[in-house]
Amino acid sequence: MGKLSILKEFLGFLKENKKTWMIPIVIILLILGLLMVLGQGSALAPFIYTIF
């Protein structure tokens, strides 16, 4: 529940301060982070690292 409240608060902050343009940047950073974490010990690691 704690993580959802942080996300809600962050989205409220972005909406209040008219910074909705940051949402795609945050989503891309989360996807890249997830890709790196999941690719750390898998057989896909060499293919993922060629992207970067």
Protein backbone atom coordinates (compact mmCIF):
# COMPACT_ATOMS: atom_id res chain seq x y z
CA MET A 1 0.00 0.00 0.00
CA GLY A 2 2.91 2.35 0.71
CA LYS A 3 4.24 2.19 -2.82
CA LEU A 4 0.85 3.04 -4.30
CA SER A 5 0.50 6.11 -2.10
CA ILE A 6 3.92 7.34 -3.25
CA LEU A 7 2.86 6.89 -6.86
CA LYS A 8 -0.43 8.70 -6.22
CA GLU A 9 1.37 11.56 -4.51
CA PHE A 10 3.90 11.84 -7.36
CA LEU A 11 1.15 11.90 -10.00
CA GLY A 12 -0.71 14.54 -7.97
CA PHE A 13 2.47 16.62 -7.82
CA LEU A 14 2.95 16.39 -11.58
CA LYS A 15 -0.67 17.36 -12.22
CA GLU A 16 -0.60 20.29 -9.77
CA ASN A 17 2.62 21.76 -11.12
CA LYS A 18 1.73 21.23 -14.80
CA LYS A 19 4.61 18.83 -15.29
CA THR A 20 2.66 16.14 -17.09
CA TRP A 21 5.35 16.12 -19.80
CA MET A 22 7.53 14.20 -17.32
CA ILE A 23 5.24 11.14 -17.27
CA PRO A 24 6.65 9.54 -20.49
CA ILE A 25 10.20 10.12 -19.25
CA VAL A 26 9.45 8.42 -15.93
CA ILE A 27 7.76 5.48 -17.69
CA ILE A 28 10.74 4.99 -20.02
CA LEU A 29 13.18 5.11 -17.08
CA LEU A 30 11.12 2.53 -15.19
CA ILE A 31 11.02 0.23 -18.22
CA LEU A 32 14.78 0.53 -18.73
CA GLY A 33 15.42 -0.16 -15.05
CA LEU A 34 13.15 -3.19 -15.12
CA LEU A 35 14.84 -4.45 -18.27
CA MET A 36 18.25 -4.18 -16.63
CA VAL A 37 17.12 -5.94 -13.46
CA LEU A 38 15.41 -8.77 -15.30
CA GLY A 39 18.24 -9.14 -17.79
CA GLN A 40 20.91 -9.34 -15.11
CA GLY A 41 20.92 -13.11 -14.73
CA SER A 42 19.11 -14.33 -17.79
CA ALA A 43 20.25 -15.77 -21.08
CA LEU A 44 18.94 -12.61 -22.75
CA ALA A 45 21.60 -10.43 -21.10
CA PRO A 46 23.95 -10.27 -24.13
CA PHE A 47 21.07 -9.17 -26.37
CA ILE A 48 19.81 -6.57 -23.90
CA TYR A 49 23.26 -5.04 -23.44
CA THR A 50 23.68 -4.56 -27.17
CA ILE A 51 20.79 -2.08 -27.00
CA PHE A 52 22.89 0.19 -24.79
